[in-house]
C-alpha atoms as a PDB file:
ATOM      1  CA  UNK A   1     110.377  64.705 -33.724  1.00  0.00           C
ATOM      2  CA  UNK A   2     108.017  67.592 -34.373  1.00  0.00           C
ATOM      3  CA  UNK A   3     108.638  70.698 -36.511  1.00  0.00           C
ATOM      4  CA  UNK A   4     109.275  74.174 -35.104  1.00  0.00           C
ATOM      5  CA  UNK A   5     107.852  77.133 -36.972  1.00  0.00           C
ATOM      6  CA  UNK A   6     110.120  79.968 -38.077  1.00  0.00           C
ATOM      7  CA  UNK A   7     110.152  82.946 -35.733  1.00  0.00           C
ATOM      8  CA  UNK A   8     109.491  86.596 -36.502  1.00  0.00           C
ATOM      9  CA  UNK A   9     112.519  87.695 -38.595  1.00  0.00           C
ATOM     10  CA  UNK A  10     112.629  91.148 -36.996  1.00  0.00           C
ATOM     11  CA  UNK A  11     112.739  89.654 -33.478  1.00  0.00           C
ATOM     12  CA  UNK A  12     115.351  87.067 -34.514  1.00  0.00           C
ATOM     13  CA  UNK A  13     117.584  89.817 -35.884  1.00  0.00           C
ATOM     14  CA  UNK A  14     117.124  91.891 -32.742  1.00  0.00           C
ATOM     15  CA  UNK A  15     118.153  89.012 -30.460  1.00  0.00           C
ATOM     16  CA  UNK A  16     121.117  88.061 -32.652  1.00  0.00           C
ATOM     17  CA  UNK A  17     122.311  91.669 -32.756  1.00  0.00           C
ATOM     18  CA  UNK A  18     122.130  91.825 -28.952  1.00  0.00           C
ATOM     19  CA  UNK A  19     124.295  88.712 -28.717  1.00  0.00           C
ATOM     20  CA  UNK A  20     126.642  89.907 -31.472  1.00  0.00           C
ATOM     21  CA  UNK A  21     127.383  93.064 -29.491  1.00  0.00           C
ATOM     22  CA  UNK A  22     128.393  90.899 -26.504  1.00  0.00           C
ATOM     23  CA  UNK A  23     130.918  88.900 -28.531  1.00  0.00           C
ATOM     24  CA  UNK A  24     134.026  90.810 -27.451  1.00  0.00           C
ATOM     25  CA  UNK A  25     137.135  89.244 -25.893  1.00  0.00           C
ATOM     26  CA  UNK A  26     140.042  90.939 -24.142  1.00  0.00           C
ATOM     27  CA  UNK A  27     142.464  88.278 -25.317  1.00  0.00           C
ATOM     28  CA  UNK A  28     141.326  88.594 -28.920  1.00  0.00           C
ATOM     29  CA  UNK A  29     140.208  92.178 -29.694  1.00  0.00           C
ATOM     30  CA  UNK A  30     140.342  91.525 -33.466  1.00  0.00           C
ATOM     31  CA  UNK A  31     137.951  88.580 -33.170  1.00  0.00           C
ATOM     32  CA  UNK A  32     134.947  90.059 -34.971  1.00  0.00           C
ATOM     33  CA  UNK A  33     137.050  91.711 -37.661  1.00  0.00           C
ATOM     34  CA  UNK A  34     138.872  88.459 -38.410  1.00  0.00           C
ATOM     35  CA  UNK A  35     135.630  86.503 -38.301  1.00  0.00           C
ATOM     36  CA  UNK A  36     133.765  88.798 -40.689  1.00  0.00           C
ATOM     37  CA  UNK A  37     136.720  88.848 -43.049  1.00  0.00           C
ATOM     38  CA  UNK A  38     136.846  85.049 -43.121  1.00  0.00           C
ATOM     39  CA  UNK A  39     133.107  84.736 -43.770  1.00  0.00           C
ATOM     40  CA  UNK A  40     133.110  87.390 -46.518  1.00  0.00           C
ATOM     41  CA  UNK A  41     136.078  85.696 -48.197  1.00  0.00           C
ATOM     42  CA  UNK A  42     134.764  82.126 -47.991  1.00  0.00           C
ATOM     43  CA  UNK A  43     130.958  82.315 -48.229  1.00  0.00           C
ATOM     44  CA  UNK A  44     130.134  83.714 -51.646  1.00  0.00           C
ATOM     45  CA  UNK A  45     126.591  84.791 -50.768  1.00  0.00           C
ATOM     46  CA  UNK A  46     127.951  87.035 -48.006  1.00  0.00           C
ATOM     47  CA  UNK A  47     130.947  88.501 -49.825  1.00  0.00           C
ATOM     48  CA  UNK A  48     129.495  92.022 -49.915  1.00  0.00           C
ATOM     49  CA  UNK A  49     128.129  92.066 -46.345  1.00  0.00           C
ATOM     50  CA  UNK A  50     129.789  94.393 -43.818  1.00  0.00           C
ATOM     51  CA  UNK A  51     128.858  92.253 -40.795  1.00  0.00           C
ATOM     52  CA  UNK A  52     128.836  88.987 -42.697  1.00  0.00           C
ATOM     53  CA  UNK A  53     128.789  86.770 -39.623  1.00  0.00           C
ATOM     54  CA  UNK A  54     125.562  88.375 -38.395  1.00  0.00           C
ATOM     55  CA  UNK A  55     123.881  86.897 -41.474  1.00  0.00           C
ATOM     56  CA  UNK A  56     124.999  83.447 -40.343  1.00  0.00           C
ATOM     57  CA  UNK A  57     123.591  84.120 -36.892  1.00  0.00           C
ATOM     58  CA  UNK A  58     120.177  84.990 -38.352  1.00  0.00           C
ATOM     59  CA  UNK A  59     120.286  82.569 -41.300  1.00  0.00           C
ATOM     60  CA  UNK A  60     117.486  80.019 -41.587  1.00  0.00           C
ATOM     61  CA  UNK A  61     118.159  76.287 -41.383  1.00  0.00           C
ATOM     62  CA  UNK A  62     118.197  75.816 -45.168  1.00  0.00           C
ATOM     63  CA  UNK A  63     120.894  78.493 -45.470  1.00  0.00           C
ATOM     64  CA  UNK A  64     123.038  76.849 -42.787  1.00  0.00           C
ATOM     65  CA  UNK A  65     122.631  73.483 -44.498  1.00  0.00           C
ATOM     66  CA  UNK A  66     123.753  74.979 -47.817  1.00  0.00           C
ATOM     67  CA  UNK A  67     126.950  76.568 -46.502  1.00  0.00           C
ATOM     68  CA  UNK A  68     128.086  73.531 -44.483  1.00  0.00           C
ATOM     69  CA  UNK A  69     130.271  72.492 -47.392  1.00  0.00           C
ATOM     70  CA  UNK A  70     132.511  75.525 -46.855  1.00  0.00           C
ATOM     71  CA  UNK A  71     133.251  74.514 -43.270  1.00  0.00           C
ATOM     72  CA  UNK A  72     134.810  71.066 -43.623  1.00  0.00           C
ATOM     73  CA  UNK A  73     138.321  72.232 -42.702  1.00  0.00           C
ATOM     74  CA  UNK A  74     137.409  75.358 -40.747  1.00  0.00           C
ATOM     75  CA  UNK A  75     138.390  73.989 -37.317  1.00  0.00           C
ATOM     76  CA  UNK A  76     141.806  72.841 -38.568  1.00  0.00           C
ATOM     77  CA  UNK A  77     142.553  75.943 -40.636  1.00  0.00           C
ATOM     78  CA  UNK A  78     141.179  78.525 -38.202  1.00  0.00           C
ATOM     79  CA  UNK A  79     141.640  77.034 -34.696  1.00  0.00           C
ATOM     80  CA  UNK A  80     141.648  80.398 -32.916  1.00  0.00           C
ATOM     81  CA  UNK A  81     138.466  81.603 -34.585  1.00  0.00           C
ATOM     82  CA  UNK A  82     136.857  78.231 -33.850  1.00  0.00           C
ATOM     83  CA  UNK A  83     137.850  78.440 -30.175  1.00  0.00           C
ATOM     84  CA  UNK A  84     136.375  81.907 -29.697  1.00  0.00           C
ATOM     85  CA  UNK A  85     133.244  81.103 -31.659  1.00  0.00           C
ATOM     86  CA  UNK A  86     132.548  78.333 -29.161  1.00  0.00           C
ATOM     87  CA  UNK A  87     133.277  80.780 -26.320  1.00  0.00           C
ATOM     88  CA  UNK A  88     130.752  83.156 -27.885  1.00  0.00           C
ATOM     89  CA  UNK A  89     128.003  80.738 -26.906  1.00  0.00           C
ATOM     90  CA  UNK A  90     128.871  81.462 -23.260  1.00  0.00           C
ATOM     91  CA  UNK A  91     127.826  85.072 -23.884  1.00  0.00           C
ATOM     92  CA  UNK A  92     124.204  83.904 -23.846  1.00  0.00           C
ATOM     93  CA  UNK A  93     123.233  84.828 -20.283  1.00  0.00           C
ATOM     94  CA  UNK A  94     120.011  83.682 -18.603  1.00  0.00           C
ATOM     95  CA  UNK A  95     118.034  86.725 -19.756  1.00  0.00           C
ATOM     96  CA  UNK A  96     119.069  86.361 -23.388  1.00  0.00           C
ATOM     97  CA  UNK A  97     118.537  82.594 -23.254  1.00  0.00           C
ATOM     98  CA  UNK A  98     114.958  83.185 -22.097  1.00  0.00           C
ATOM     99  CA  UNK A  99     114.365  85.593 -24.992  1.00  0.00           C
ATOM    100  CA  UNK A 100     115.655  83.009 -27.471  1.00  0.00           C
ATOM    101  CA  UNK A 101     113.492  80.218 -26.066  1.00  0.00           C
ATOM    102  CA  UNK A 102     110.363  82.366 -25.762  1.00  0.00           C
ATOM    103  CA  UNK A 103     110.684  83.442 -29.384  1.00  0.00           C
ATOM    104  CA  UNK A 104     110.788  79.824 -30.540  1.00  0.00           C
ATOM    105  CA  UNK A 105     107.315  79.352 -29.004  1.00  0.00           C
ATOM    106  CA  UNK A 106     107.671  75.712 -27.977  1.00  0.00           C
ATOM    107  CA  UNK A 107     107.105  74.229 -24.523  1.00  0.00           C
ATOM    108  CA  UNK A 108     107.869  70.575 -25.261  1.00  0.00           C
ATOM    109  CA  UNK A 109     111.116  69.048 -26.521  1.00  0.00           C
ATOM    110  CA  UNK A 110     110.821  68.863 -30.337  1.00  0.00           C
ATOM    111  CA  UNK A 111     113.101  65.818 -30.484  1.00  0.00           C
ATOM    112  CA  UNK A 112     111.000  63.504 -28.301  1.00  0.00           C
ATOM    113  CA  UNK A 113     107.738  65.419 -27.707  1.00  0.00           C
ATOM    114  CA  UNK A 114     107.516  63.702 -24.325  1.00  0.00           C
ATOM    115  CA  UNK A 115     109.158  66.143 -21.871  1.00  0.00           C
ATOM    116  CA  UNK A 116     108.679  69.812 -21.138  1.00  0.00           C
ATOM    117  CA  UNK A 117     111.828  71.788 -21.902  1.00  0.00           C
ATOM    118  CA  UNK A 118     111.586  74.117 -18.899  1.00  0.00           C
ATOM    119  CA  UNK A 119     114.121  73.539 -16.119  1.00  0.00           C
ATOM    120  CA  UNK A 120     115.407  75.383 -13.072  1.00  0.00           C
ATOM    121  CA  UNK A 121     119.050  76.442 -13.081  1.00  0.00           C
ATOM    122  CA  UNK A 122     121.382  78.289 -10.733  1.00  0.00           C
ATOM    123  CA  UNK A 123     123.700  81.020 -11.948  1.00  0.00           C
ATOM    124  CA  UNK A 124     126.647  82.917 -10.488  1.00  0.00           C
ATOM    125  CA  UNK A 125     127.387  86.390 -11.803  1.00  0.00           C
ATOM    126  CA  UNK A 126     130.952  87.616 -12.279  1.00  0.00           C
ATOM    127  CA  UNK A 127     131.459  90.870 -10.381  1.00  0.00           C
ATOM    128  CA  UNK A 128     134.243  91.809 -12.773  1.00  0.00           C
ATOM    129  CA  UNK A 129     132.566  91.522 -16.209  1.00  0.00           C
ATOM    130  CA  UNK A 130     128.923  90.735 -15.248  1.00  0.00           C
ATOM    131  CA  UNK A 131     128.900  87.492 -17.220  1.00  0.00           C
ATOM    132  CA  UNK A 132     126.660  84.758 -15.818  1.00  0.00           C
ATOM    133  CA  UNK A 133     127.936  81.238 -15.262  1.00  0.00           C
ATOM    134  CA  UNK A 134     125.812  78.119 -14.928  1.00  0.00           C
ATOM    135  CA  UNK A 135     126.392  76.431 -11.556  1.00  0.00           C
ATOM    136  CA  UNK A 136     126.829  72.684 -11.958  1.00  0.00           C
ATOM    137  CA  UNK A 137     128.365  71.405  -8.733  1.00  0.00           C
ATOM    138  CA  UNK A 138     127.961  74.405  -6.420  1.00  0.00           C
ATOM    139  CA  UNK A 139     131.675  75.193  -6.170  1.00  0.00           C
ATOM    140  CA  UNK A 140     133.384  78.464  -6.982  1.00  0.00           C
ATOM    141  CA  UNK A 141     134.192  78.868 -10.661  1.00  0.00           C
ATOM    142  CA  UNK A 142     136.476  80.798 -12.910  1.00  0.00           C
ATOM    143  CA  UNK A 143     134.732  83.223 -15.239  1.00  0.00           C
ATOM    144  CA  UNK A 144     135.169  82.048 -18.861  1.00  0.00           C
ATOM    145  CA  UNK A 145     135.133  85.668 -20.028  1.00  0.00           C
ATOM    146  CA  UNK A 146     137.701  87.443 -17.828  1.00  0.00           C
ATOM    147  CA  UNK A 147     139.290  84.397 -16.130  1.00  0.00           C
ATOM    148  CA  UNK A 148     138.670  85.879 -12.671  1.00  0.00           C
ATOM    149  CA  UNK A 149     137.341  83.787  -9.800  1.00  0.00           C
ATOM    150  CA  UNK A 150     133.592  84.164  -9.303  1.00  0.00           C
ATOM    151  CA  UNK A 151     132.272  84.577  -5.780  1.00  0.00           C
ATOM    152  CA  UNK A 152     128.884  85.656  -4.573  1.00  0.00           C
ATOM    153  CA  UNK A 153     125.257  84.652  -4.309  1.00  0.00           C
ATOM    154  CA  UNK A 154     123.646  82.325  -6.811  1.00  0.00           C
ATOM    155  CA  UNK A 155     120.364  83.202  -8.436  1.00  0.00           C
ATOM    156  CA  UNK A 156     117.729  80.732  -9.602  1.00  0.00           C
ATOM    157  CA  UNK A 157     116.121  81.085 -13.022  1.00  0.00           C
ATOM    158  CA  UNK A 158     113.737  79.020 -15.108  1.00  0.00           C
ATOM    159  CA  UNK A 159     115.016  78.351 -18.591  1.00  0.00           C
ATOM    160  CA  UNK A 160     115.792  75.413 -20.889  1.00  0.00           C
ATOM    161  CA  UNK A 161     118.690  73.647 -22.500  1.00  0.00           C
ATOM    162  CA  UNK A 162     119.691  74.587 -26.034  1.00  0.00           C
ATOM    163  CA  UNK A 163     121.006  71.826 -28.258  1.00  0.00           C
ATOM    164  CA  UNK A 164     123.249  72.646 -31.207  1.00  0.00           C
ATOM    165  CA  UNK A 165     121.659  70.724 -34.063  1.00  0.00           C
ATOM    166  CA  UNK A 166     124.914  71.092 -35.976  1.00  0.00           C
ATOM    167  CA  UNK A 167     127.364  70.347 -33.113  1.00  0.00           C
ATOM    168  CA  UNK A 168     129.428  73.402 -32.238  1.00  0.00           C
ATOM    169  CA  UNK A 169     132.618  71.345 -31.957  1.00  0.00           C
ATOM    170  CA  UNK A 170     132.256  70.344 -35.615  1.00  0.00           C
ATOM    171  CA  UNK A 171     130.550  73.532 -36.829  1.00  0.00           C
ATOM    172  CA  UNK A 172     131.701  76.367 -34.543  1.00  0.00           C
ATOM    173  CA  UNK A 173     130.561  78.897 -37.146  1.00  0.00           C
ATOM    174  CA  UNK A 174     126.991  77.911 -36.206  1.00  0.00           C
ATOM    175  CA  UNK A 175     127.595  78.040 -32.427  1.00  0.00           C
ATOM    176  CA  UNK A 176     125.375  81.108 -31.976  1.00  0.00           C
ATOM    177  CA  UNK A 177     123.075  80.762 -35.001  1.00  0.00           C
ATOM    178  CA  UNK A 178     119.455  81.186 -33.918  1.00  0.00           C
ATOM    179  CA  UNK A 179     118.140  78.376 -36.126  1.00  0.00           C
ATOM    180  CA  UNK A 180     120.853  75.969 -34.976  1.00  0.00           C
ATOM    181  CA  UNK A 181     119.752  76.275 -31.334  1.00  0.00           C
ATOM    182  CA  UNK A 182     117.028  73.756 -30.487  1.00  0.00           C
ATOM    183  CA  UNK A 183     115.269  73.997 -27.088  1.00  0.00           C
ATOM    184  CA  UNK A 184     115.415  70.460 -25.772  1.00  0.00           C
ATOM    185  CA  UNK A 185     114.880  68.353 -22.688  1.00  0.00           C
ATOM    186  CA  UNK A 186     117.823  67.134 -20.614  1.00  0.00           C
ATOM    187  CA  UNK A 187     117.465  63.574 -21.878  1.00  0.00           C
ATOM    188  CA  UNK A 188     117.581  64.346 -25.605  1.00  0.00           C
ATOM    189  CA  UNK A 189     120.283  66.996 -25.284  1.00  0.00           C
ATOM    190  CA  UNK A 190     122.625  64.659 -23.422  1.00  0.00           C
ATOM    191  CA  UNK A 191     121.942  61.646 -25.610  1.00  0.00           C
ATOM    192  CA  UNK A 192     122.494  63.602 -28.804  1.00  0.00           C
ATOM    193  CA  UNK A 193     125.640  65.490 -27.702  1.00  0.00           C
ATOM    194  CA  UNK A 194     127.854  65.791 -30.824  1.00  0.00           C
ATOM    195  CA  UNK A 195     125.979  63.204 -32.860  1.00  0.00           C
ATOM    196  CA  UNK A 196     124.838  64.275 -36.315  1.00  0.00           C
ATOM    197  CA  UNK A 197     121.156  64.014 -37.179  1.00  0.00           C
ATOM    198  CA  UNK A 198     119.982  64.381 -40.755  1.00  0.00           C
ATOM    199  CA  UNK A 199     116.767  66.329 -40.192  1.00  0.00           C
ATOM    200  CA  UNK A 200     116.331  69.366 -37.953  1.00  0.00           C
ATOM    201  CA  UNK A 201     112.989  70.387 -36.441  1.00  0.00           C
ATOM    202  CA  UNK A 202     113.487  73.474 -38.645  1.00  0.00           C
ATOM    203  CA  UNK A 203     113.865  71.400 -41.827  1.00  0.00           C
ATOM    204  CA  UNK A 204     110.847  72.600 -43.822  1.00  0.00           C
ATOM    205  CA  UNK A 205     111.701  70.216 -46.684  1.00  0.00           C
ATOM    206  CA  UNK A 206     111.076  67.135 -44.550  1.00  0.00           C
ATOM    207  CA  UNK A 207     107.497  65.706 -44.598  1.00  0.00           C
ATOM    208  CA  UNK A 208     106.897  65.484 -40.846  1.00  0.00           C
ATOM    209  CA  UNK A 209     103.256  64.511 -41.550  1.00  0.00           C
ATOM    210  CA  UNK A 210     104.491  61.192 -42.973  1.00  0.00           C
ATOM    211  CA  UNK A 211     105.971  60.191 -39.599  1.00  0.00           C
ATOM    212  CA  UNK A 212     103.359  58.307 -37.590  1.00  0.00           C
ATOM    213  CA  UNK A 213     103.120  56.751 -34.155  1.00  0.00           C
ATOM    214  CA  UNK A 214     101.381  53.401 -34.093  1.00  0.00           C
ATOM    215  CA  UNK A 215     101.248  50.347 -31.846  1.00  0.00           C
ATOM    216  CA  UNK A 216     101.596  46.599 -32.236  1.00  0.00           C
ATOM    217  CA  UNK A 217      99.687  44.122 -30.032  1.00  0.00           C
ATOM    218  CA  UNK A 218     102.235  41.705 -28.549  1.00  0.00           C
ATOM    219  CA  UNK A 219      99.700  39.592 -26.647  1.00  0.00           C
ATOM    220  CA  UNK A 220      96.188  39.917 -25.259  1.00  0.00           C
ATOM    221  CA  UNK A 221      97.309  42.460 -22.686  1.00  0.00           C
ATOM    222  CA  UNK A 222     100.598  43.868 -24.034  1.00  0.00           C
ATOM    223  CA  UNK A 223     101.392  46.332 -26.801  1.00  0.00           C
ATOM    224  CA  UNK A 224     104.504  47.950 -28.251  1.00  0.00           C
ATOM    225  CA  UNK A 225     104.675  51.560 -29.457  1.00  0.00           C
ATOM    226  CA  UNK A 226     106.334  52.074 -32.842  1.00  0.00           C
ATOM    227  CA  UNK A 227     107.258  55.099 -34.968  1.00  0.00           C
ATOM    228  CA  UNK A 228     106.759  54.602 -38.714  1.00  0.00           C
ATOM    229  CA  UNK A 229     108.723  56.546 -41.323  1.00  0.00           C
ATOM    230  CA  UNK A 230     109.743  55.718 -44.877  1.00  0.00           C
ATOM    231  CA  UNK A 231     112.815  57.941 -44.513  1.00  0.00           C
ATOM    232  CA  UNK A 232     115.878  55.887 -43.444  1.00  0.00           C
ATOM    233  CA  UNK A 233     117.759  59.000 -42.223  1.00  0.00           C
ATOM    234  CA  UNK A 234     114.873  59.974 -39.969  1.00  0.00           C
ATOM    235  CA  UNK A 235     114.561  56.428 -38.637  1.00  0.00           C
ATOM    236  CA  UNK A 236     118.279  56.481 -37.876  1.00  0.00           C
ATOM    237  CA  UNK A 237     117.816  59.738 -35.937  1.00  0.00           C
ATOM    238  CA  UNK A 238     115.042  58.110 -33.900  1.00  0.00           C
ATOM    239  CA  UNK A 239     117.401  55.212 -33.196  1.00  0.00           C
ATOM    240  CA  UNK A 240     120.262  57.533 -32.153  1.00  0.00           C
ATOM    241  CA  UNK A 241     118.036  59.357 -29.673  1.00  0.00           C
ATOM    242  CA  UNK A 242     116.406  56.140 -28.449  1.00  0.00           C
ATOM    243  CA  UNK A 243     112.921  57.619 -28.882  1.00  0.00           C
ATOM    244  CA  UNK A 244     111.023  54.353 -29.413  1.00  0.00           C
ATOM    245  CA  UNK A 245     112.568  52.857 -26.273  1.00  0.00           C
ATOM    246  CA  UNK A 246     111.588  55.940 -24.263  1.00  0.00           C
ATOM    247  CA  UNK A 247     107.984  55.736 -25.457  1.00  0.00           C
ATOM    248  CA  UNK A 248     107.485  52.238 -24.079  1.00  0.00           C
ATOM    249  CA  UNK A 249     107.013  53.918 -20.699  1.00  0.00           C
ATOM    250  CA  UNK A 250     103.839  55.552 -22.104  1.00  0.00           C
ATOM    251  CA  UNK A 251     101.968  52.387 -23.043  1.00  0.00           C
ATOM    252  CA  UNK A 252      99.399  53.243 -20.359  1.00  0.00           C
ATOM    253  CA  UNK A 253      98.441  56.355 -22.361  1.00  0.00           C
ATOM    254  CA  UNK A 254      97.800  54.238 -25.455  1.00  0.00           C
ATOM    255  CA  UNK A 255      95.724  51.799 -23.407  1.00  0.00           C
ATOM    256  CA  UNK A 256      93.621  54.714 -22.174  1.00  0.00           C
ATOM    257  CA  UNK A 257      93.019  55.809 -25.769  1.00  0.00           C
ATOM    258  CA  UNK A 258      91.843  52.296 -26.632  1.00  0.00           C
ATOM    259  CA  UNK A 259      89.513  52.295 -23.616  1.00  0.00           C
ATOM    260  CA  UNK A 260      88.136  55.704 -24.582  1.00  0.00           C
ATOM    261  CA  UNK A 261      87.424  54.430 -28.075  1.00  0.00           C
ATOM    262  CA  UNK A 262      85.099  51.844 -26.509  1.00  0.00           C
ATOM    263  CA  UNK A 263      83.349  54.479 -24.382  1.00  0.00           C
ATOM    264  CA  UNK A 264      83.255  57.464 -26.726  1.00  0.00           C
ATOM    265  CA  UNK A 265      80.969  56.117 -29.454  1.00  0.00           C
ATOM    266  CA  UNK A 266      79.824  58.381 -32.290  1.00  0.00           C
ATOM    267  CA  UNK A 267      76.514  59.044 -30.547  1.00  0.00           C
ATOM    268  CA  UNK A 268      78.334  59.774 -27.261  1.00  0.00           C
ATOM    269  CA  UNK A 269      80.611  62.293 -28.978  1.00  0.00           C
ATOM    270  CA  UNK A 270      77.658  63.965 -30.667  1.00  0.00           C
ATOM    271  CA  UNK A 271      75.903  64.290 -27.328  1.00  0.00           C
ATOM    272  CA  UNK A 272      79.075  65.553 -25.690  1.00  0.00           C
ATOM    273  CA  UNK A 273      79.466  68.169 -28.407  1.00  0.00           C
ATOM    274  CA  UNK A 274      75.901  69.392 -27.828  1.00  0.00           C
ATOM    275  CA  UNK A 275      76.467  69.660 -24.085  1.00  0.00           C
ATOM    276  CA  UNK A 276      79.740  71.540 -24.453  1.00  0.00           C
ATOM    277  CA  UNK A 277      78.588  73.869 -27.213  1.00  0.00           C
ATOM    278  CA  UNK A 278      76.841  76.696 -25.409  1.00  0.00           C
ATOM    279  CA  UNK A 279      75.331  79.822 -27.036  1.00  0.00           C
ATOM    280  CA  UNK A 280      78.080  82.047 -28.425  1.00  0.00           C
ATOM    281  CA  UNK A 281      80.644  79.374 -27.561  1.00  0.00           C
ATOM    282  CA  UNK A 282      81.044  76.577 -30.082  1.00  0.00           C
ATOM    283  CA  UNK A 283      83.916  74.129 -29.788  1.00  0.00           C
ATOM    284  CA  UNK A 284      86.004  73.420 -32.868  1.00  0.00           C
ATOM    285  CA  UNK A 285      86.812  69.834 -33.834  1.00  0.00           C
ATOM    286  CA  UNK A 286      90.337  70.294 -32.480  1.00  0.00           C
ATOM    287  CA  UNK A 287      88.986  71.577 -29.147  1.00  0.00           C
ATOM    288  CA  UNK A 288      86.557  68.655 -28.883  1.00  0.00           C
ATOM    289  CA  UNK A 289      89.428  66.258 -29.621  1.00  0.00           C
ATOM    290  CA  UNK A 290      91.488  67.901 -26.885  1.00  0.00           C
ATOM    291  CA  UNK A 291      88.615  67.487 -24.437  1.00  0.00           C
ATOM    292  CA  UNK A 292      88.373  63.778 -25.280  1.00  0.00           C
ATOM    293  CA  UNK A 293      92.086  62.942 -25.327  1.00  0.00           C
ATOM    294  CA  UNK A 294      93.502  65.505 -22.896  1.00  0.00           C
ATOM    295  CA  UNK A 295      96.100  66.498 -25.519  1.00  0.00           C
ATOM    296  CA  UNK A 296      96.451  68.815 -28.495  1.00  0.00           C
ATOM    297  CA  UNK A 297      95.696  66.914 -31.700  1.00  0.00           C
ATOM    298  CA  UNK A 298      96.337  69.649 -34.271  1.00  0.00           C
ATOM    299  CA  UNK A 299      99.934  69.620 -35.496  1.00  0.00           C
ATOM    300  CA  UNK A 300     100.380  73.378 -35.018  1.00  0.00           C
ATOM    301  CA  UNK A 301     100.101  72.811 -31.258  1.00  0.00           C
ATOM    302  CA  UNK A 302     102.058  69.573 -30.727  1.00  0.00           C
ATOM    303  CA  UNK A 303     104.776  71.661 -29.073  1.00  0.00           C
ATOM    304  CA  UNK A 304     102.483  72.798 -26.262  1.00  0.00           C
ATOM    305  CA  UNK A 305     101.928  69.509 -24.416  1.00  0.00           C
ATOM    306  CA  UNK A 306     103.939  66.279 -24.064  1.00  0.00           C
ATOM    307  CA  UNK A 307     102.895  63.200 -26.070  1.00  0.00           C
ATOM    308  CA  UNK A 308     100.491  65.177 -28.280  1.00  0.00           C
ATOM    309  CA  UNK A 309     101.876  63.746 -31.534  1.00  0.00           C
ATOM    310  CA  UNK A 310     101.558  60.149 -30.318  1.00  0.00           C
ATOM    311  CA  UNK A 311      98.061  60.688 -28.928  1.00  0.00           C
ATOM    312  CA  UNK A 312      96.891  62.379 -32.142  1.00  0.00           C
ATOM    313  CA  UNK A 313      98.328  59.699 -34.449  1.00  0.00           C
ATOM    314  CA  UNK A 314      97.059  56.703 -32.498  1.00  0.00           C
ATOM    315  CA  UNK A 315      93.776  58.447 -31.671  1.00  0.00           C
ATOM    316  CA  UNK A 316      93.108  58.811 -35.405  1.00  0.00           C
ATOM    317  CA  UNK A 317      94.345  55.299 -36.177  1.00  0.00           C
ATOM    318  CA  UNK A 318      91.797  53.698 -33.852  1.00  0.00           C
ATOM    319  CA  UNK A 319      89.005  56.114 -34.815  1.00  0.00           C
ATOM    320  CA  UNK A 320      88.766  57.886 -31.458  1.00  0.00           C
ATOM    321  CA  UNK A 321      89.154  61.285 -33.100  1.00  0.00           C
ATOM    322  CA  UNK A 322      88.755  62.530 -36.634  1.00  0.00           C
ATOM    323  CA  UNK A 323      90.009  65.308 -38.891  1.00  0.00           C
ATOM    324  CA  UNK A 324      93.584  66.486 -39.091  1.00  0.00           C
END
């Protein structure tokens, strides 16, 4: 797992307000009034807020974590609100979904760091209420918004899946919270489902730098990739997602790093640096590392290319690259 940086607060608020305005239902016209009243009455920090729920939509991960305790019986006590909160997630059409994902500024799944998150999807648009519906099996569907049958042409868009870090079935109040939506690859999203993980990619209190990829020689020609962490909750999350098992398919990448270590001696790297550094164009250490490994090795850019975290950790372990 790799961390995701916080997004521009002004842009987050703008996106959440756009979605908030869409959260209207014919069968429940009092939805937002009831929702804001419940939040103001039950979440002390938001008692004086006019649109209290909007603060939950824009709230950072630490805020969501802190108010979880108020939600233990929410689904049982407020089943109608819970139902329509989950329906509110369907108000995220393809255009708004793209805005959300673009603002998060990550191209690779933060759970596994091995797959790009971008995927191609087909959508049908309801001629009655203009809501877009994801096409799964190609058959005609009923619009979840107005309950009318959807007919018409499909359109193809490039977007990504959004995982609810706090599952929306258990925490429907977070169903449309910006910092609860994690862009993820198909594999991780469908393995995680409603499982609870302890640490979010937005958890700034967790020392992600202490999590390291390494490898263990099993024989003269076989190795095993491992992920080291002293945190038992994080290790359990890795186990739930099956990350170590998935990485065994990338042993060839580790072997290439070991081969490169034999070829790229200190003198070779110095010569390479001189060749690449032209007048008015000097490569940084991170850029030279990327040239050698073919991956980003600075943690700020792990989210730009698959396997970057593994390559950086093992590359440093064997002495192929230096500097963090």
